[in-house]
Amino acid sequence: MKKTPLLNSALSQLIAGMGHGDMLVIGDAGLPVPPQVPCIDLALTKNIPGFLDTLRVVLAEMEVEKAIVAQETALVSPAIDAGITALLPYTPLDPVPHEQFKQLTAKARAIVRTGQFTPYANIILVAGVVF
């Protein structure tokens, strides 16, 4: 059995297959998923699992060189913004307008859908390398 905290086999397999520069999106329950992008749907009910809990577990498994967030997150959902900053203290954060964020999701390897019911609780993680 795995020793790392990520138990979801589809998500673990996806991360294991990612290369430098590949993008993984973690989104709230309302983030649209482009038709061509696979969705790993973790949502069970309102706020379960939560966005920050999901991000925390993914970060235990994935090397991230930078992250992209919607500019609106800091203004509309400051607790989510503060949680992202706390979980990624040394990772460059690139804020972009939400419409641009949604366009970028079309290039992702997958979107992880959480049960989060907070606006703009979304992030694009750009894979780094461990060497």
C-alpha atoms as a PDB file:
ATOM      1  CA  MET A   1       0.000   0.000   0.000  1.00  0.00           C
ATOM      2  CA  LYS A   2       1.124   3.566  -0.736  1.00  0.00           C
ATOM      3  CA  LYS A   3       2.852   5.583   1.967  1.00  0.00           C
ATOM      4  CA  THR A   4       1.889   9.016   0.642  1.00  0.00           C
ATOM      5  CA  PRO A   5      -1.486  10.508   1.631  1.00  0.00           C
ATOM      6  CA  LEU A   6      -3.070  10.470  -1.856  1.00  0.00           C
ATOM      7  CA  LEU A   7      -5.295   7.385  -2.081  1.00  0.00           C
ATOM      8  CA  ASN A   8      -7.323   8.158  -5.220  1.00  0.00           C
ATOM      9  CA  SER A   9      -5.791   5.825  -7.803  1.00  0.00           C
ATOM     10  CA  ALA A  10      -6.853   7.823 -10.877  1.00  0.00           C
ATOM     11  CA  LEU A  11      -5.330  11.018  -9.493  1.00  0.00           C
ATOM     12  CA  SER A  12      -2.168   9.283  -8.294  1.00  0.00           C
ATOM     13  CA  GLN A  13      -1.706   7.635 -11.702  1.00  0.00           C
ATOM     14  CA  LEU A  14      -2.231  10.953 -13.480  1.00  0.00           C
ATOM     15  CA  ILE A  15       0.367  12.740 -11.356  1.00  0.00           C
ATOM     16  CA  ALA A  16       2.853   9.894 -11.839  1.00  0.00           C
ATOM     17  CA  GLY A  17       2.501  10.295 -15.604  1.00  0.00           C
ATOM     18  CA  MET A  18       2.899  14.071 -15.723  1.00  0.00           C
ATOM     19  CA  GLY A  19       5.947  15.734 -17.206  1.00  0.00           C
ATOM     20  CA  HIS A  20       7.621  19.093 -16.707  1.00  0.00           C
ATOM     21  CA  GLY A  21       5.219  21.897 -17.600  1.00  0.00           C
ATOM     22  CA  ASP A  22       2.065  19.759 -17.641  1.00  0.00           C
ATOM     23  CA  MET A  23      -0.898  21.385 -15.929  1.00  0.00           C
ATOM     24  CA  LEU A  24      -3.335  19.954 -13.390  1.00  0.00           C
ATOM     25  CA  VAL A  25      -6.415  21.937 -12.363  1.00  0.00           C
ATOM     26  CA  ILE A  26      -8.079  21.645  -8.970  1.00  0.00           C
ATOM     27  CA  GLY A  27     -11.460  23.309  -9.115  1.00  0.00           C
ATOM     28  CA  ASP A  28     -14.557  24.100  -7.167  1.00  0.00           C
ATOM     29  CA  ALA A  29     -17.864  22.344  -7.847  1.00  0.00           C
ATOM     30  CA  GLY A  30     -18.893  24.936 -10.433  1.00  0.00           C
ATOM     31  CA  LEU A  31     -15.772  25.211 -12.604  1.00  0.00           C
ATOM     32  CA  PRO A  32     -16.661  24.248 -16.189  1.00  0.00           C
ATOM     33  CA  VAL A  33     -14.748  21.290 -17.590  1.00  0.00           C
ATOM     34  CA  PRO A  34     -13.859  21.573 -21.298  1.00  0.00           C
ATOM     35  CA  PRO A  35     -15.195  18.534 -23.193  1.00  0.00           C
ATOM     36  CA  GLN A  36     -11.745  17.259 -24.201  1.00  0.00           C
ATOM     37  CA  VAL A  37     -10.229  17.466 -20.703  1.00  0.00           C
ATOM     38  CA  PRO A  38     -10.616  14.441 -18.401  1.00  0.00           C
ATOM     39  CA  CYS A  39     -12.341  15.132 -15.093  1.00  0.00           C
ATOM     40  CA  ILE A  40     -11.481  13.328 -11.872  1.00  0.00           C
ATOM     41  CA  ASP A  41     -14.665  14.016  -9.942  1.00  0.00           C
ATOM     42  CA  LEU A  42     -14.114  13.850  -6.193  1.00  0.00           C
ATOM     43  CA  ALA A  43     -17.231  15.889  -5.283  1.00  0.00           C
ATOM     44  CA  LEU A  44     -19.537  14.119  -2.823  1.00  0.00           C
ATOM     45  CA  THR A  45     -21.682  16.950  -1.494  1.00  0.00           C
ATOM     46  CA  LYS A  46     -21.415  20.649  -0.659  1.00  0.00           C
ATOM     47  CA  ASN A  47     -17.821  21.410   0.444  1.00  0.00           C
ATOM     48  CA  ILE A  48     -16.786  17.732   0.637  1.00  0.00           C
ATOM     49  CA  PRO A  49     -14.032  17.313  -0.208  1.00  0.00           C
ATOM     50  CA  GLY A  50     -12.908  20.874   0.252  1.00  0.00           C
ATOM     51  CA  PHE A  51     -10.631  22.677  -2.163  1.00  0.00           C
ATOM     52  CA  LEU A  52      -7.817  23.354   0.318  1.00  0.00           C
ATOM     53  CA  ASP A  53      -7.858  19.776   1.670  1.00  0.00           C
ATOM     54  CA  THR A  54      -7.622  18.459  -1.886  1.00  0.00           C
ATOM     55  CA  LEU A  55      -4.812  20.882  -2.745  1.00  0.00           C
ATOM     56  CA  ARG A  56      -2.891  19.888   0.400  1.00  0.00           C
ATOM     57  CA  VAL A  57      -3.003  16.186  -0.494  1.00  0.00           C
ATOM     58  CA  VAL A  58      -2.100  16.754  -4.160  1.00  0.00           C
ATOM     59  CA  LEU A  59       0.888  18.878  -3.134  1.00  0.00           C
ATOM     60  CA  ALA A  60       2.183  15.956  -1.040  1.00  0.00           C
ATOM     61  CA  GLU A  61       2.447  13.952  -4.266  1.00  0.00           C
ATOM     62  CA  MET A  62       3.215  16.527  -6.978  1.00  0.00           C
ATOM     63  CA  GLU A  63       6.241  18.737  -7.631  1.00  0.00           C
ATOM     64  CA  VAL A  64       4.903  22.192  -8.586  1.00  0.00           C
ATOM     65  CA  GLU A  65       7.050  24.899 -10.173  1.00  0.00           C
ATOM     66  CA  LYS A  66       4.323  27.536 -10.404  1.00  0.00           C
ATOM     67  CA  ALA A  67       0.592  27.975  -9.951  1.00  0.00           C
ATOM     68  CA  ILE A  68      -2.032  30.017 -11.749  1.00  0.00           C
ATOM     69  CA  VAL A  69      -5.062  31.475  -9.967  1.00  0.00           C
ATOM     70  CA  ALA A  70      -7.867  33.837 -10.922  1.00  0.00           C
ATOM     71  CA  GLN A  71      -7.217  37.465  -9.983  1.00  0.00           C
ATOM     72  CA  GLU A  72     -10.713  37.553  -8.505  1.00  0.00           C
ATOM     73  CA  THR A  73      -9.859  34.954  -5.854  1.00  0.00           C
ATOM     74  CA  ALA A  74      -8.116  37.392  -3.497  1.00  0.00           C
ATOM     75  CA  LEU A  75     -10.997  39.841  -3.584  1.00  0.00           C
ATOM     76  CA  VAL A  76     -14.003  37.492  -3.551  1.00  0.00           C
ATOM     77  CA  SER A  77     -12.627  34.554  -1.546  1.00  0.00           C
ATOM     78  CA  PRO A  78      -9.809  35.838   0.681  1.00  0.00           C
ATOM     79  CA  ALA A  79      -9.788  32.707   2.886  1.00  0.00           C
ATOM     80  CA  ILE A  80      -9.137  30.525  -0.174  1.00  0.00           C
ATOM     81  CA  ASP A  81      -6.447  32.946  -1.344  1.00  0.00           C
ATOM     82  CA  ALA A  82      -4.777  32.868   2.082  1.00  0.00           C
ATOM     83  CA  GLY A  83      -4.943  29.058   2.130  1.00  0.00           C
ATOM     84  CA  ILE A  84      -3.295  28.832  -1.287  1.00  0.00           C
ATOM     85  CA  THR A  85      -0.528  31.195  -0.180  1.00  0.00           C
ATOM     86  CA  ALA A  86       0.020  29.189   3.019  1.00  0.00           C
ATOM     87  CA  LEU A  87       0.225  25.870   1.144  1.00  0.00           C
ATOM     88  CA  LEU A  88       2.508  27.248  -1.586  1.00  0.00           C
ATOM     89  CA  PRO A  89       4.737  29.742   0.279  1.00  0.00           C
ATOM     90  CA  TYR A  90       7.725  29.436  -2.078  1.00  0.00           C
ATOM     91  CA  THR A  91       5.864  28.759  -5.333  1.00  0.00           C
ATOM     92  CA  PRO A  92       5.351  31.627  -7.780  1.00  0.00           C
ATOM     93  CA  LEU A  93       1.637  32.459  -8.124  1.00  0.00           C
ATOM     94  CA  ASP A  94       0.466  33.918 -11.415  1.00  0.00           C
ATOM     95  CA  PRO A  95      -2.898  35.702 -11.076  1.00  0.00           C
ATOM     96  CA  VAL A  96      -4.858  36.025 -14.338  1.00  0.00           C
ATOM     97  CA  PRO A  97      -8.411  37.177 -15.117  1.00  0.00           C
ATOM     98  CA  HIS A  98     -10.966  34.403 -14.501  1.00  0.00           C
ATOM     99  CA  GLU A  99     -11.937  34.224 -18.181  1.00  0.00           C
ATOM    100  CA  GLN A 100      -8.285  33.635 -19.106  1.00  0.00           C
ATOM    101  CA  PHE A 101      -8.038  31.053 -16.305  1.00  0.00           C
ATOM    102  CA  LYS A 102     -10.972  29.114 -17.799  1.00  0.00           C
ATOM    103  CA  GLN A 103      -9.326  29.212 -21.248  1.00  0.00           C
ATOM    104  CA  LEU A 104      -6.096  27.809 -19.786  1.00  0.00           C
ATOM    105  CA  THR A 105      -7.970  24.836 -18.300  1.00  0.00           C
ATOM    106  CA  ALA A 106      -8.450  23.521 -21.852  1.00  0.00           C
ATOM    107  CA  LYS A 107      -4.692  22.772 -21.923  1.00  0.00           C
ATOM    108  CA  ALA A 108      -4.702  20.798 -18.663  1.00  0.00           C
ATOM    109  CA  ARG A 109      -3.989  17.087 -18.407  1.00  0.00           C
ATOM    110  CA  ALA A 110      -7.074  16.845 -16.164  1.00  0.00           C
ATOM    111  CA  ILE A 111      -9.394  18.781 -13.895  1.00  0.00           C
ATOM    112  CA  VAL A 112      -9.980  17.578 -10.346  1.00  0.00           C
ATOM    113  CA  ARG A 113     -13.488  18.576  -9.260  1.00  0.00           C
ATOM    114  CA  THR A 114     -13.954  19.129  -5.539  1.00  0.00           C
ATOM    115  CA  GLY A 115     -17.175  19.739  -3.637  1.00  0.00           C
ATOM    116  CA  GLN A 116     -16.145  23.306  -2.781  1.00  0.00           C
ATOM    117  CA  PHE A 117     -19.004  25.828  -2.962  1.00  0.00           C
ATOM    118  CA  THR A 118     -16.778  28.933  -2.723  1.00  0.00           C
ATOM    119  CA  PRO A 119     -16.375  31.190  -5.766  1.00  0.00           C
ATOM    120  CA  TYR A 120     -12.959  31.132  -7.448  1.00  0.00           C
ATOM    121  CA  ALA A 121     -11.653  28.182  -5.409  1.00  0.00           C
ATOM    122  CA  ASN A 122      -9.599  27.051  -8.398  1.00  0.00           C
ATOM    123  CA  ILE A 123      -5.924  26.618  -9.186  1.00  0.00           C
ATOM    124  CA  ILE A 124      -3.777  25.409 -12.060  1.00  0.00           C
ATOM    125  CA  LEU A 125      -0.665  23.586 -10.872  1.00  0.00           C
ATOM    126  CA  VAL A 126       2.225  23.513 -13.326  1.00  0.00           C
ATOM    127  CA  ALA A 127       4.411  20.447 -12.858  1.00  0.00           C
ATOM    128  CA  GLY A 128       8.042  20.926 -11.985  1.00  0.00           C
ATOM    129  CA  VAL A 129      10.862  18.426 -11.848  1.00  0.00           C
ATOM    130  CA  VAL A 130      12.397  16.831  -8.780  1.00  0.00           C
ATOM    131  CA  PHE A 131      15.993  16.958 -10.016  1.00  0.00           C
END
